[in-house]
Amino acid sequence: MNLFPMYHKYWCDDDHSKRSKHPYDLVGEVVKLRRNRGNYFRYHQSPFKGVSLIPIKKIAPEWCLGLLKVQPKRKKLSKEHFIRRFLDSLIEAIAESWIPNGFNVVCHSSGWDSRLHSCILKRLADERGSGWLGHVLFVCFGPECTKFRKIMEYEGWDTSQFLCVGDPGEGNILPLDENRVNFQQAWRKMNGGYLHPVNLWYNLYESLLHGGYLPRNQRVRLWCGQYHNEMFNRFSPKYGESVGSFLNAYYYTYGYSVQAAALPCNVFFPALNKETLSLFAEFKSHYNRKEIRQEAAAVLDPGLGRLERYNLPNYEGNLTEKAHLLAVKDYKESWYAAHVQPYYEGMYLGNRNRNVGWLHWSIASVIEHLIKEGHKIELC
């Protein structure tokens, strides 16, 4: 599979054969907790002494190692040719990476990246047959549902293949904000290093499972259109980054949305494929990111480029007062608050904005879990 695995992996500093996606799996009976209360992952660390992030060059697939060394001395390419190469790279990545066995959940919005992916999937399915596609469910969140449904209907998907989460009309599925801030479960959902009060990936999975939309006897995979925005931004003339610096920037950024979170199943990002990364490494991307993706959608299907999208990004809303107060109470009563970082006013913003207070909150939850499991905590 020619997709870059953009999520955190850890190893023991004294034994690199011991690896895990979860840093707390690698601690001993006596847990050595760092006193550092700041940005652990900027220094390739974890909250635990002796457990570190595996360097990106050690987890990068073979095809990516060469790209990590390419410097940004890029050639110009006309917008038309850039769009064609961009689309071809996505089509190739999705065609080669799609796995019909199991159950595939595609996180979808009303935006350009999502409709590019779903349109490409529909065309490939029409060409190769339903056996190639397998079981697929496109999932969207509340306020984008109306425009999302129009995209699904326009592309020709069956109503059994798409679903809206948090929409009152969708039956017994749990809304994402129900019990969303749960200190007792944060250790497994936040992975001990997360800047948000909720892990949307985990909540989405559990909501779908609870609602009966996911099979319990099949492997589930999540697909997401994330990183197109980041790629167009970071490879623009303003930043002029190399592929190596781009991937490093997001892999080592502590608390960034996907990497630091615990994932309930495998998550794939078609944007991070060999051909697309090679395209950005070779040619200048000085085009407007929204404009070029809208035009790319229109190249696939003129009508697809004309469908409106939802334009308000912060629709998730604030936490309820009850959830906020409970989060503060749980933290204040934790071992971590008593020994490492006391609670302070302003520590919590009460919403999904990235905030180092939630990082402390998620680490505190991990420590409570380890204590219950019989571990002894030592500060170092």
Foldseek 3Di string as FASTA:
>chain_A
DQFWQQAWKKAFQVDRVRIDSFQLVPADLEWAAELDLDQQLLVQQARTPRMGTDDSCVRGDPLCNVLLPFALPADADDLVVLLVLLLVLLLVLCLVPADQFFAEEEEAFLALLRLSNVLSLLVVCVVPHPSSNHHAAYEYEDPRVVLVVVSCVVSPHDPLRYDYAPHVVGPDFDHCQVCQQDLLCLCQFQSLWAQFRGQSQVSVVVRCVVVVNHDPPGAYEYEYQPDLVLLLVCLAPVNVGGLSVSSCVSSSRINPRHHRTRHPHHYTHSCRGSSNNVSSSHHHNNDDSRVSSLVSLCVSPVVSSPRDGDDDDPPPDFRDPVSVVVLLVVLQPFPCCVPRNPDDPPQDPRHGPGGSSVSSSSNSSSVVVSVVVNGHYDYD
